[in-house]
Amino acid sequence: MNSGNLNAARKLFDEMPQLTTVSYNAIISGYNKCGQTQEPLTLLTQMHSSNTKLNETTFTSLLSACSRSSSFDLGKQIHSLILKSGFEGFSLVGSSLLNLYTSCFDISNAYRLFELLHCRNPLLWSLMVVGFVKSRMLDEALDLFDKMNVSSRDVYSWTSLISGCAQNDDDVQRRKALELFVSMTSNGDVKPNEFTYDSVLRACVKLEAVDFGRMIHGCLIRLGLEHDDSISGALVEFYCKLGYLDDTKRVFDQLDKNPCLNTCNLMIGSLVDVGNIREAEFIFNQLEEKNPVSYNLMIKGYADNGRIQESIALFDRMPCKNIVSYNTMISVYHKAGMFDKALKLFEFVKEENNTVTWNSMISGYVQNEQPTEAIKLYAVMQRSSIVCSRSTFSALFRACASMGTVSQGRMIHAQLIKTPFASNVFVGTSLVDMYAKCGSIDDSKLAFRVGERVAERMLGMDSMHVSVYVILSNIYARVGRWEKVREVREKLRGLRVKKDPGCSWIEAKDRVHVFCVEDRSHPESSEIFSVLGVLRDDVCSSCEFGFDPFVYDMHEHLVDSF
């Protein structure tokens, strides 16, 4: 059994002339160690029918099998046997019982059991705390943790509580995760493990707590743990998701020769986000195994960098596609002007009832100046009971703005009010723009006031959120409040927060040309800007005939020219 040869052990077990409690316990324990949970439960029936006595070890192993296989009904029957046999007060049996009830989310009975047994078994405190965390009852978990004897707080209970707080949607709870980590490390009796550090770094990502995360990284370096697979992956994710590409690359480059696939995907995604398609492509090609996430990132990366044909070719040879793959390709086909293929792919996957699929198609129509088709598809989406998202409404308001149909826009606005996205700042920007472009100034001002309040409230909660500054700047610009635009942008610069520059790509004669805001590095930039000057004059002259230039995200000297 110790050598791991379970089949040989079972053969020997079946050939034994007389089976005892010890032999049953040995084979049941072996199955448990190998993760086979059904066979121990079958052996219980065999033990019961042969009148073989069950002891503390038997009950502990059987309850473990029930917990792992979520066989709660059978577990409760075993609990009855335990009560009849008088084993409930045994330390390991009590712990296994509590683990069964918390694993199967019967938290009320778990707590009753805890109150009966915890005086005799201090280990149950940690199990009960973990049970509350699993059931998302963080307040109860924190309250019980505070009542625990300090000596009973092991790394398991500390880490579970930190993890529960870190995964919560509430920033207050996420900050509590960092506070708990500080308390844990200052206590000195319990050392964090790799799961503790992973949970704290995830909380730092959600809170955008860069300094705290860097402090954790420093601790890991001092402890010599930064090269641990799970921790280095968490560090890559931390720097990656907060936009620190140089740090992400530095940590990634220090990893072992074969970092895990999830970490590689994070690195590819970071490089794709900043347009560094060459390095992303290099890592992608080095992967021995790829999953749909790997392919989807590269498909998006090729498309975003104007390499449409490579994006399509990669999708075609992708061995296993998922809904994200199809959604990405719908957007790619729209970018390439291949409407028939986009529609064909949409028809193939629309029965999945995936909101993103429908949004991809609606946004594609809007981007390609087919707003009427976008509105028609929205009507089908409603009849099909597909749930809308903020992206749906933003795209629809852009469609209405393009058509200049304020009545249609008001109808969609009325539907928006019934959803949780009515106060969403990103949707609000599209709403302000729609009313302004349709010439409904009063409605635009009303929507502006709502959007302004929401954006300023978001800035109060999270002063480093770049997109909120950009949105608020755009809202002010749309209603002509240029002094406010300057004020917001000055504040953005003062915080040293950077907005990714706008970029465009065009493929000509098998070469991709990239153009970024205020970039004059192109070898033919003089000729390009000369043509742009002529184009600007043509646009300015067309303003006399009702053309409304979309200038609110441009630099001041360009705005003045309009």
Protein backbone atom coordinates (compact mmCIF):
# COMPACT_ATOMS: atom_id res chain seq x y z
CA MET A 1 0.00 0.00 0.00
CA ASN A 2 2.84 2.39 0.89
CA SER A 3 4.39 1.86 -2.55
CA GLY A 4 1.19 3.12 -4.16
CA ASN A 5 0.29 -0.20 -5.82
CA LEU A 6 -3.40 -0.12 -4.93
CA ASN A 7 -4.42 -2.93 -7.30
CA ALA A 8 -1.94 -5.34 -5.71
CA ALA A 9 -3.11 -4.30 -2.24
CA ARG A 10 -6.75 -4.93 -3.18
CA LYS A 11 -5.88 -8.33 -4.65
CA LEU A 12 -4.15 -9.28 -1.40
CA PHE A 13 -7.08 -7.91 0.61
CA ASP A 14 -9.58 -10.02 -1.36
CA GLU A 15 -7.47 -13.16 -0.85
CA MET A 16 -7.26 -12.80 2.93
CA PRO A 17 -9.02 -15.71 4.71
CA GLN A 18 -10.22 -13.49 7.55
CA LEU A 19 -10.79 -9.74 7.27
CA THR A 20 -10.33 -7.62 10.40
CA THR A 21 -10.99 -3.99 11.29
CA VAL A 22 -7.29 -3.24 10.73
CA SER A 23 -7.28 -4.73 7.21
CA TYR A 24 -10.46 -2.82 6.27
CA ASN A 25 -8.99 0.42 7.62
CA ALA A 26 -5.78 -0.09 5.65
CA ILE A 27 -7.54 -0.59 2.29
CA ILE A 28 -10.06 2.22 2.91
CA SER A 29 -7.21 4.60 3.81
CA GLY A 30 -5.38 3.56 0.62
CA TYR A 31 -8.37 4.40 -1.55
CA ASN A 32 -8.72 7.76 0.17
CA LYS A 33 -5.06 8.62 -0.44
CA CYS A 34 -5.50 7.82 -4.14
CA GLY A 35 -8.58 10.04 -4.37
CA GLN A 36 -10.97 7.14 -5.00
CA THR A 37 -13.95 8.03 -2.82
CA GLN A 38 -16.62 5.56 -3.95
CA GLU A 39 -14.85 2.29 -3.11
CA PRO A 40 -14.48 3.08 0.63
CA LEU A 41 -18.23 3.63 0.83
CA THR A 42 -18.82 0.22 -0.83
CA LEU A 43 -16.48 -1.37 1.72
CA LEU A 44 -18.55 0.16 4.53
CA THR A 45 -21.54 -1.95 3.40
CA GLN A 46 -19.29 -5.02 3.32
CA MET A 47 -18.02 -4.30 6.85
CA HIS A 48 -21.52 -3.76 8.15
CA SER A 49 -22.88 -7.01 6.63
CA SER A 50 -19.94 -9.05 8.03
CA ASN A 51 -20.41 -7.53 11.51
CA THR A 52 -16.85 -6.17 11.49
CA LYS A 53 -16.43 -3.50 14.16
CA LEU A 54 -15.85 0.09 13.08
CA ASN A 55 -13.40 2.17 15.11
CA GLU A 56 -12.13 5.76 15.20
CA THR A 57 -9.87 5.25 12.16
CA THR A 58 -12.70 3.66 10.12
CA PHE A 59 -15.11 6.50 10.81
CA THR A 60 -12.48 9.15 10.07
CA SER A 61 -11.63 7.59 6.68
CA LEU A 62 -15.28 7.07 5.72
CA LEU A 63 -16.25 10.64 6.62
CA SER A 64 -13.31 11.91 4.57
CA ALA A 65 -14.59 9.94 1.56
CA CYS A 66 -18.10 11.37 2.04
CA SER A 67 -16.75 14.94 2.24
CA ARG A 68 -14.70 14.57 -0.94
CA SER A 69 -17.53 12.99 -2.92
CA SER A 70 -20.27 15.26 -1.44
CA SER A 71 -22.14 12.10 -0.29
CA PHE A 72 -23.94 14.05 2.40
CA ASP A 73 -26.86 11.65 2.97
CA LEU A 74 -24.51 8.72 3.51
CA GLY A 75 -22.36 10.93 5.73
CA LYS A 76 -25.36 11.66 7.97
CA GLN A 77 -26.05 7.91 8.22
CA ILE A 78 -22.45 7.37 9.32
CA HIS A 79 -22.95 10.18 11.87
CA SER A 80 -25.87 8.14 13.31
CA LEU A 81 -23.59 5.09 13.56
CA ILE A 82 -20.99 7.22 15.34
CA LEU A 83 -23.56 8.39 17.89
CA LYS A 84 -24.65 4.78 18.54
CA SER A 85 -21.03 3.66 18.86
CA GLY A 86 -20.01 6.51 21.18
CA PHE A 87 -17.15 7.81 18.99
CA GLU A 88 -18.42 11.41 18.57
CA GLY A 89 -16.18 12.72 21.34
CA PHE A 90 -13.00 11.39 19.71
CA SER A 91 -10.87 14.25 18.42
CA LEU A 92 -10.32 13.01 14.84
CA VAL A 93 -13.91 11.81 14.44
CA GLY A 94 -15.29 15.17 15.64
CA SER A 95 -13.03 17.04 13.21
CA SER A 96 -14.08 14.77 10.33
CA LEU A 97 -17.76 15.26 11.17
CA LEU A 98 -17.43 19.04 11.22
CA ASN A 99 -15.51 18.92 7.93
CA LEU A 100 -18.37 16.89 6.40
CA TYR A 101 -21.04 19.41 7.39
CA THR A 102 -19.02 22.48 6.33
CA SER A 103 -17.93 20.83 3.04
CA CYS A 104 -21.57 20.07 2.22
CA PHE A 105 -22.59 23.64 3.25
CA ASP A 106 -24.93 22.63 6.10
CA ILE A 107 -23.49 25.48 8.12
CA SER A 108 -26.25 25.69 10.76
CA ASN A 109 -25.82 22.03 11.82
CA ALA A 110 -22.06 22.43 11.54
CA TYR A 111 -22.19 25.24 14.09
CA ARG A 112 -24.41 23.18 16.42
CA LEU A 113 -21.87 20.37 16.25
CA PHE A 114 -19.07 22.87 16.88
CA GLU A 115 -20.78 24.20 20.02
CA LEU A 116 -21.15 20.65 21.34
CA LEU A 117 -17.56 19.59 20.70
CA HIS A 118 -15.21 22.60 20.57
CA CYS A 119 -14.31 22.52 24.30
CA ARG A 120 -12.86 19.03 23.84
CA ASN A 121 -11.22 19.71 20.49
CA PRO A 122 -9.40 23.03 19.84
CA LEU A 123 -8.78 21.98 16.19
CA LEU A 124 -12.48 22.53 15.49
CA TRP A 125 -12.09 26.31 15.80
CA SER A 126 -10.03 26.44 12.61
CA LEU A 127 -12.43 24.11 10.79
CA MET A 128 -15.43 26.23 11.79
CA VAL A 129 -13.73 29.45 10.65
CA VAL A 130 -12.94 27.80 7.29
CA GLY A 131 -16.55 26.56 7.08
CA PHE A 132 -17.90 30.08 7.51
CA VAL A 133 -15.49 31.35 4.84
CA LYS A 134 -16.57 28.62 2.39
CA SER A 135 -20.20 29.62 2.96
CA ARG A 136 -19.31 33.30 2.35
CA MET A 137 -20.23 34.21 5.93
CA LEU A 138 -17.21 36.43 6.48
CA ASP A 139 -18.61 38.43 9.40
CA GLU A 140 -19.29 35.22 11.34
CA ALA A 141 -15.82 33.89 10.39
CA LEU A 142 -14.12 37.08 11.61
CA ASP A 143 -16.15 37.11 14.82
CA LEU A 144 -15.24 33.48 15.62
CA PHE A 145 -11.60 34.09 14.69
CA ASP A 146 -11.45 36.99 17.17
CA LYS A 147 -12.73 34.66 19.92
CA MET A 148 -10.14 31.98 19.14
CA ASN A 149 -7.25 31.33 21.46
CA VAL A 150 -4.20 32.82 19.75
CA SER A 151 -2.37 29.50 20.00
CA SER A 152 -5.21 27.80 18.05
CA ARG A 153 -4.81 30.11 15.04
CA ASP A 154 -2.87 28.02 12.55
CA VAL A 155 -1.76 28.90 9.01
CA TYR A 156 -4.85 27.11 7.67
CA SER A 157 -7.32 29.38 9.51
CA TRP A 158 -5.30 32.56 8.86
CA THR A 159 -4.97 31.81 5.14
CA SER A 160 -8.61 30.79 4.70
CA LEU A 161 -9.80 34.02 6.31
CA ILE A 162 -7.37 36.14 4.28
CA SER A 163 -8.41 34.33 1.10
CA GLY A 164 -12.13 34.80 1.86
CA CYS A 165 -11.69 38.54 2.42
CA ALA A 166 -9.45 38.91 -0.66
CA GLN A 167 -12.03 37.26 -2.95
CA ASN A 168 -14.90 39.42 -1.67
CA ASP A 169 -16.38 42.09 -3.95
CA ASP A 170 -16.30 44.65 -1.14
CA ASP A 171 -13.14 46.78 -0.92
CA VAL A 172 -13.59 47.01 2.86
CA GLN A 173 -13.22 43.23 3.11
CA ARG A 174 -10.28 43.27 0.69
CA ARG A 175 -8.51 45.81 2.90
CA LYS A 176 -9.30 43.54 5.84
CA ALA A 177 -7.31 40.81 4.06
CA LEU A 178 -4.24 43.07 4.10
CA GLU A 179 -4.83 43.97 7.76
CA LEU A 180 -5.09 40.28 8.68
CA PHE A 181 -1.83 39.56 6.84
CA VAL A 182 -0.07 42.30 8.81
CA SER A 183 -1.46 40.87 12.08
CA MET A 184 -0.41 37.37 11.09
CA THR A 185 3.17 38.34 10.29
CA SER A 186 3.58 40.67 13.29
CA ASN A 187 2.38 37.88 15.60
CA GLY A 188 5.40 35.80 14.56
CA ASP A 189 4.08 32.42 15.73
CA VAL A 190 2.59 31.44 12.36
CA LYS A 191 4.45 31.83 9.08
CA PRO A 192 2.51 32.56 5.84
CA ASN A 193 2.68 29.89 3.15
CA GLU A 194 2.50 30.20 -0.64
CA PHE A 195 -1.33 30.23 -0.54
CA THR A 196 -1.29 33.12 1.95
CA TYR A 197 0.97 35.21 -0.27
CA ASP A 198 -1.12 34.34 -3.34
CA SER A 199 -4.32 35.55 -1.61
CA VAL A 200 -2.71 38.80 -0.40
CA LEU A 201 -1.36 39.60 -3.87
CA ARG A 202 -4.82 39.03 -5.35
CA ALA A 203 -6.26 41.49 -2.83
CA CYS A 204 -3.57 43.98 -3.84
CA VAL A 205 -4.62 43.63 -7.50
CA LYS A 206 -8.28 44.32 -6.70
CA LEU A 207 -7.38 47.30 -4.48
CA GLU A 208 -4.64 48.51 -6.84
CA ALA A 209 -2.43 48.55 -3.72
CA VAL A 210 0.87 48.80 -5.60
CA ASP A 211 3.08 49.76 -2.64
CA PHE A 212 1.72 46.96 -0.45
CA GLY A 213 2.24 44.45 -3.27
CA ARG A 214 5.81 45.62 -3.78
CA MET A 215 6.38 45.21 -0.04
CA ILE A 216 5.15 41.59 -0.32
CA HIS A 217 7.52 41.06 -3.25
CA GLY A 218 10.39 42.37 -1.09
CA CYS A 219 9.47 39.92 1.69
CA LEU A 220 9.42 37.04 -0.80
CA ILE A 221 12.88 37.97 -2.10
CA ARG A 222 14.28 38.07 1.46
CA LEU A 223 12.71 34.68 2.20
CA GLY A 224 13.95 33.20 -1.07
CA LEU A 225 10.42 32.32 -2.16
CA GLU A 226 10.02 34.50 -5.24
CA HIS A 227 10.93 31.59 -7.55
CA ASP A 228 8.25 29.27 -6.14
CA ASP A 229 5.92 28.37 -9.04
CA SER A 230 2.64 29.47 -7.44
CA ILE A 231 4.09 32.63 -5.89
CA SER A 232 5.97 33.75 -9.02
CA GLY A 233 2.74 33.24 -10.99
CA ALA A 234 0.89 35.46 -8.50
CA LEU A 235 3.61 38.12 -8.82
CA VAL A 236 3.35 38.06 -12.62
CA GLU A 237 -0.44 38.47 -12.31
CA PHE A 238 -0.02 41.31 -9.78
CA TYR A 239 2.31 43.40 -11.96
CA CYS A 240 0.51 42.40 -15.16
CA LYS A 241 -2.99 43.41 -14.09
CA LEU A 242 -1.79 46.70 -12.63
CA GLY A 243 -0.04 47.61 -15.87
CA TYR A 244 3.60 47.41 -14.76
CA LEU A 245 4.95 45.65 -17.84
CA ASP A 246 8.67 46.05 -17.04
CA ASP A 247 8.20 44.47 -13.60
CA THR A 248 6.02 41.75 -15.13
CA LYS A 249 8.73 40.89 -17.65
CA ARG A 250 11.44 40.98 -14.97
CA VAL A 251 9.59 38.47 -12.78
CA PHE A 252 8.63 36.34 -15.77
CA ASP A 253 12.20 36.20 -17.08
CA GLN A 254 13.39 34.93 -13.68
CA LEU A 255 11.00 31.97 -13.74
CA ASP A 256 12.11 28.41 -14.34
CA LYS A 257 12.47 27.21 -17.92
CA ASN A 258 8.92 25.84 -17.98
CA PRO A 259 6.58 28.27 -16.19
CA CYS A 260 2.97 27.17 -15.86
CA LEU A 261 0.59 27.84 -18.76
CA ASN A 262 -1.54 30.31 -16.77
CA THR A 263 1.54 32.46 -16.06
CA CYS A 264 2.58 32.36 -19.72
CA ASN A 265 -0.92 33.40 -20.77
CA LEU A 266 -0.79 36.34 -18.35
CA MET A 267 2.50 37.43 -19.90
CA ILE A 268 1.14 37.08 -23.44
CA GLY A 269 -1.94 39.09 -22.45
CA SER A 270 0.20 41.88 -20.95
CA LEU A 271 2.30 42.13 -24.09
CA VAL A 272 -0.77 42.08 -26.34
CA ASP A 273 -2.37 44.88 -24.29
CA VAL A 274 0.59 47.20 -24.94
CA GLY A 275 0.91 46.20 -28.59
CA ASN A 276 4.17 44.26 -28.19
CA ILE A 277 3.04 41.50 -30.52
CA ARG A 278 6.54 40.25 -31.34
CA GLU A 279 7.40 39.22 -27.77
CA ALA A 280 3.88 37.84 -27.26
CA GLU A 281 4.30 35.77 -30.41
CA PHE A 282 7.70 34.50 -29.22
CA ILE A 283 6.30 33.24 -25.88
CA PHE A 284 3.26 31.75 -27.65
CA ASN A 285 5.45 29.80 -30.08
CA GLN A 286 7.61 28.50 -27.22
CA LEU A 287 4.63 26.92 -25.45
CA GLU A 288 4.69 23.13 -25.62
CA GLU A 289 0.99 23.01 -24.75
CA LYS A 290 -1.54 25.72 -25.52
CA ASN A 291 -5.10 26.12 -24.30
CA PRO A 292 -7.96 28.20 -25.79
CA VAL A 293 -6.87 31.21 -23.68
CA SER A 294 -3.43 31.16 -25.35
CA TYR A 295 -4.97 31.12 -28.84
CA ASN A 296 -7.62 33.73 -28.02
CA LEU A 297 -5.01 36.18 -26.74
CA MET A 298 -2.91 35.84 -29.88
CA ILE A 299 -5.92 36.08 -32.20
CA LYS A 300 -6.86 39.34 -30.49
CA GLY A 301 -3.24 40.51 -30.54
CA TYR A 302 -2.86 39.95 -34.29
CA ALA A 303 -6.17 41.68 -34.99
CA ASP A 304 -5.40 44.68 -32.76
CA ASN A 305 -2.10 45.13 -34.55
CA GLY A 306 -3.63 45.06 -38.01
CA ARG A 307 -2.45 41.52 -38.82
CA ILE A 308 -5.92 40.32 -39.72
CA GLN A 309 -4.92 37.45 -42.00
CA GLU A 310 -2.65 35.95 -39.34
CA SER A 311 -5.50 36.26 -36.85
CA ILE A 312 -7.85 34.37 -39.17
CA ALA A 313 -5.22 31.73 -39.97
CA LEU A 314 -4.57 31.08 -36.27
CA PHE A 315 -8.29 30.74 -35.58
CA ASP A 316 -8.63 28.25 -38.46
CA ARG A 317 -5.90 25.97 -37.09
CA MET A 318 -7.02 26.28 -33.47
CA PRO A 319 -7.66 22.68 -32.26
CA CYS A 320 -10.26 23.45 -29.60
CA LYS A 321 -12.39 26.58 -29.83
CA ASN A 322 -14.59 28.04 -27.07
CA ILE A 323 -17.21 30.80 -26.99
CA VAL A 324 -14.51 33.45 -26.38
CA SER A 325 -12.76 32.31 -29.59
CA TYR A 326 -15.94 32.76 -31.63
CA ASN A 327 -16.71 36.14 -30.04
CA THR A 328 -13.19 37.36 -30.74
CA MET A 329 -13.40 36.25 -34.36
CA ILE A 330 -16.75 37.96 -34.89
CA SER A 331 -15.00 41.22 -33.92
CA VAL A 332 -12.01 40.38 -36.13
CA TYR A 333 -14.22 39.71 -39.17
CA HIS A 334 -15.98 43.05 -38.61
CA LYS A 335 -12.62 44.83 -38.42
CA ALA A 336 -11.66 43.21 -41.72
CA GLY A 337 -14.97 44.17 -43.32
CA MET A 338 -15.87 40.50 -43.74
CA PHE A 339 -19.50 40.92 -42.71
CA ASP A 340 -20.78 37.69 -44.24
CA LYS A 341 -18.27 35.62 -42.27
CA ALA A 342 -19.05 37.52 -39.07
CA LEU A 343 -22.77 36.89 -39.54
CA LYS A 344 -22.21 33.22 -40.39
CA LEU A 345 -20.14 32.72 -37.23
CA PHE A 346 -22.73 34.59 -35.16
CA GLU A 347 -25.54 32.38 -36.48
CA PHE A 348 -23.43 29.33 -35.58
CA VAL A 349 -22.96 30.29 -31.91
CA LYS A 350 -25.90 32.54 -31.05
CA GLU A 351 -27.86 29.64 -29.53
CA GLU A 352 -25.32 29.69 -26.69
CA ASN A 353 -27.26 32.76 -25.46
CA ASN A 354 -23.98 34.49 -24.61
CA THR A 355 -24.35 38.25 -24.11
CA VAL A 356 -20.83 38.95 -25.37
CA THR A 357 -21.61 37.19 -28.66
CA TRP A 358 -24.56 39.49 -29.30
CA ASN A 359 -22.57 42.54 -28.16
CA SER A 360 -19.76 41.66 -30.58
CA MET A 361 -22.22 41.59 -33.46
CA ILE A 362 -24.01 44.80 -32.43
CA SER A 363 -20.70 46.66 -31.92
CA GLY A 364 -19.48 45.38 -35.27
CA TYR A 365 -22.50 46.86 -37.02
CA VAL A 366 -21.99 50.21 -35.26
CA GLN A 367 -18.26 50.33 -36.10
CA ASN A 368 -19.03 49.66 -39.75
CA GLU A 369 -21.72 52.34 -40.00
CA GLN A 370 -24.66 49.95 -40.03
CA PRO A 371 -26.56 51.36 -37.02
CA THR A 372 -29.96 50.23 -38.31
CA GLU A 373 -28.79 46.60 -38.32
CA ALA A 374 -27.52 47.05 -34.75
CA ILE A 375 -30.95 48.27 -33.58
CA LYS A 376 -32.69 45.41 -35.39
CA LEU A 377 -30.40 42.87 -33.76
CA TYR A 378 -31.11 44.42 -30.35
CA ALA A 379 -34.84 43.82 -30.95
CA VAL A 380 -34.10 40.14 -31.69
CA MET A 381 -31.90 40.03 -28.59
CA GLN A 382 -34.82 41.22 -26.46
CA ARG A 383 -37.22 38.69 -27.96
CA SER A 384 -34.67 35.96 -27.26
CA SER A 385 -34.48 37.05 -23.58
CA ILE A 386 -30.71 37.63 -23.76
CA VAL A 387 -29.49 39.67 -20.80
CA CYS A 388 -28.01 43.04 -21.79
CA SER A 389 -24.77 44.40 -20.36
CA ARG A 390 -23.31 47.91 -20.17
CA SER A 391 -21.51 47.23 -23.47
CA THR A 392 -24.87 46.53 -25.14
CA PHE A 393 -26.30 49.92 -24.12
CA SER A 394 -23.09 51.83 -24.97
CA ALA A 395 -23.11 50.34 -28.48
CA LEU A 396 -26.84 51.06 -28.93
CA PHE A 397 -26.45 54.70 -27.93
CA ARG A 398 -23.59 55.03 -30.43
CA ALA A 399 -25.90 53.55 -33.07
CA CYS A 400 -28.63 56.07 -32.24
CA ALA A 401 -26.09 58.90 -32.34
CA SER A 402 -24.94 57.74 -35.76
CA MET A 403 -28.54 57.68 -37.07
CA GLY A 404 -29.52 60.90 -35.31
CA THR A 405 -32.74 59.27 -34.08
CA VAL A 406 -33.40 60.73 -30.62
CA SER A 407 -36.78 58.94 -30.32
CA GLN A 408 -35.10 55.54 -30.62
CA GLY A 409 -32.44 56.69 -28.15
CA ARG A 410 -35.10 57.71 -25.62
CA MET A 411 -36.77 54.30 -25.90
CA ILE A 412 -33.50 52.54 -25.17
CA HIS A 413 -32.77 55.04 -22.36
CA ALA A 414 -36.11 54.10 -20.81
CA GLN A 415 -35.09 50.42 -20.93
CA LEU A 416 -31.68 51.30 -19.45
CA ILE A 417 -33.29 52.91 -16.40
CA LYS A 418 -34.77 49.53 -15.43
CA THR A 419 -31.29 47.94 -15.30
CA PRO A 420 -28.32 48.20 -12.88
CA PHE A 421 -26.38 50.12 -15.57
CA ALA A 422 -28.42 53.33 -15.34
CA SER A 423 -25.75 54.97 -13.18
CA ASN A 424 -22.78 53.41 -14.95
CA VAL A 425 -20.31 56.12 -15.95
CA PHE A 426 -19.25 54.41 -19.19
CA VAL A 427 -22.85 54.01 -20.37
CA GLY A 428 -23.53 57.58 -19.23
CA THR A 429 -20.85 58.94 -21.55
CA SER A 430 -22.46 57.27 -24.56
CA LEU A 431 -25.83 58.61 -23.44
CA VAL A 432 -24.57 62.20 -23.18
CA ASP A 433 -22.95 61.91 -26.58
CA MET A 434 -26.10 60.42 -28.16
CA TYR A 435 -28.36 63.22 -26.97
CA ALA A 436 -25.81 65.88 -27.95
CA LYS A 437 -25.32 64.48 -31.45
CA CYS A 438 -29.08 64.17 -31.92
CA GLY A 439 -29.44 67.86 -31.00
CA SER A 440 -31.40 67.23 -27.78
CA ILE A 441 -29.44 69.64 -25.58
CA ASP A 442 -31.74 69.52 -22.52
CA ASP A 443 -31.60 65.72 -22.38
CA SER A 444 -27.84 65.86 -22.89
CA LYS A 445 -27.40 68.25 -19.95
CA LEU A 446 -29.55 66.07 -17.71
CA ALA A 447 -27.57 62.95 -18.62
CA PHE A 448 -24.37 64.96 -18.18
CA ARG A 449 -25.24 65.90 -14.60
CA VAL A 450 -25.87 62.24 -13.72
CA GLY A 451 -22.66 61.13 -15.42
CA GLU A 452 -20.64 63.85 -13.74
CA ARG A 453 -21.86 62.87 -10.26
CA VAL A 454 -21.15 59.16 -10.85
CA ALA A 455 -17.68 59.80 -12.28
CA GLU A 456 -16.70 62.13 -9.44
CA ARG A 457 -17.98 59.59 -6.91
CA MET A 458 -15.85 56.90 -8.58
CA LEU A 459 -12.81 59.17 -8.43
CA GLY A 460 -13.45 59.59 -4.72
CA MET A 461 -13.37 55.83 -4.28
CA ASP A 462 -10.42 55.13 -6.58
CA SER A 463 -8.22 58.06 -7.53
CA MET A 464 -5.93 55.94 -9.73
CA HIS A 465 -8.57 54.61 -12.13
CA VAL A 466 -7.37 56.04 -15.46
CA SER A 467 -10.51 55.30 -17.45
CA VAL A 468 -12.69 57.30 -15.06
CA TYR A 469 -10.54 60.42 -15.61
CA VAL A 470 -10.80 59.95 -19.35
CA ILE A 471 -14.56 59.45 -19.22
CA LEU A 472 -15.09 62.51 -17.00
CA SER A 473 -12.90 64.56 -19.33
CA ASN A 474 -14.96 63.39 -22.31
CA ILE A 475 -18.24 64.20 -20.56
CA TYR A 476 -17.08 67.77 -19.86
CA ALA A 477 -15.78 68.15 -23.42
CA ARG A 478 -19.04 66.95 -24.94
CA VAL A 479 -20.91 69.86 -23.31
CA GLY A 480 -18.15 72.34 -24.09
CA ARG A 481 -16.76 72.83 -20.57
CA TRP A 482 -13.14 73.05 -21.69
CA GLU A 483 -11.86 74.54 -18.43
CA LYS A 484 -13.08 71.39 -16.66
CA VAL A 485 -11.41 69.22 -19.31
CA ARG A 486 -8.07 70.95 -18.58
CA GLU A 487 -8.64 70.61 -14.83
CA VAL A 488 -9.26 66.84 -15.02
CA ARG A 489 -6.32 66.24 -17.35
CA GLU A 490 -3.99 68.32 -15.16
CA LYS A 491 -5.05 66.24 -12.18
CA LEU A 492 -4.40 63.08 -14.19
CA ARG A 493 -0.89 64.27 -15.07
CA GLY A 494 -0.27 65.34 -11.46
CA LEU A 495 -1.03 61.82 -10.25
CA ARG A 496 1.45 60.43 -12.78
CA VAL A 497 -1.25 58.15 -14.12
CA LYS A 498 -0.86 57.41 -17.81
CA LYS A 499 -3.55 56.83 -20.39
CA ASP A 500 -2.59 54.46 -23.17
CA PRO A 501 -2.17 56.55 -26.34
CA GLY A 502 -4.63 56.06 -29.16
CA CYS A 503 -3.25 54.05 -32.06
CA SER A 504 -4.33 53.15 -35.58
CA TRP A 505 -3.03 50.57 -38.04
CA ILE A 506 -3.24 50.22 -41.78
CA GLU A 507 -1.87 47.46 -44.01
CA ALA A 508 -0.49 48.56 -47.39
CA LYS A 509 1.58 46.44 -49.76
CA ASP A 510 2.06 43.68 -47.15
CA ARG A 511 3.36 46.15 -44.57
CA VAL A 512 1.57 47.25 -41.39
CA HIS A 513 1.94 50.96 -40.58
CA VAL A 514 1.28 52.01 -36.97
CA PHE A 515 0.29 55.56 -36.00
CA CYS A 516 0.08 56.76 -32.39
CA VAL A 517 -1.01 60.10 -30.94
CA GLU A 518 1.69 62.80 -31.40
CA ASP A 519 4.06 60.23 -32.92
CA ARG A 520 6.25 61.54 -35.77
CA SER A 521 8.58 58.54 -36.00
CA HIS A 522 7.18 57.31 -39.33
CA PRO A 523 9.73 57.92 -42.15
CA GLU A 524 7.06 59.70 -44.24
CA SER A 525 5.55 61.70 -41.35
CA SER A 526 6.07 65.08 -43.11
CA GLU A 527 4.00 63.99 -46.11
CA ILE A 528 1.38 62.36 -43.88
CA PHE A 529 0.88 65.51 -41.76
CA SER A 530 0.73 67.63 -44.90
CA VAL A 531 -2.18 65.51 -46.19
CA LEU A 532 -3.80 65.65 -42.74
CA GLY A 533 -3.62 69.46 -42.91
CA VAL A 534 -5.55 69.46 -46.20
CA LEU A 535 -8.07 67.01 -44.69
CA ARG A 536 -8.49 69.23 -41.64
CA ASP A 537 -9.27 72.23 -43.84
CA ASP A 538 -11.89 70.18 -45.72
CA VAL A 539 -13.46 69.08 -42.42
CA CYS A 540 -13.52 72.64 -41.07
CA SER A 541 -15.21 73.90 -44.23
CA SER A 542 -17.84 71.16 -43.94
CA CYS A 543 -18.79 72.49 -40.47
CA GLU A 544 -20.69 75.23 -42.29
CA PHE A 545 -23.06 72.55 -43.58
CA GLY A 546 -23.89 71.03 -40.18
CA PHE A 547 -20.96 68.67 -39.68
CA ASP A 548 -20.31 68.17 -35.95
CA PRO A 549 -16.63 67.34 -35.38
CA PHE A 550 -15.98 64.79 -32.62
CA VAL A 551 -13.12 66.64 -30.88
CA TYR A 552 -13.53 66.02 -27.20
CA ASP A 553 -10.62 63.61 -26.82
CA MET A 554 -8.15 65.77 -28.80
CA HIS A 555 -5.35 68.02 -27.59
CA GLU A 556 -6.11 71.72 -27.11
CA HIS A 557 -4.18 73.00 -30.11
CA LEU A 558 -6.13 70.61 -32.35
CA VAL A 559 -9.46 71.51 -30.76
CA ASP A 560 -8.77 75.19 -31.37
CA SER A 561 -8.31 74.51 -35.08
CA PHE A 562 -11.91 73.34 -35.26
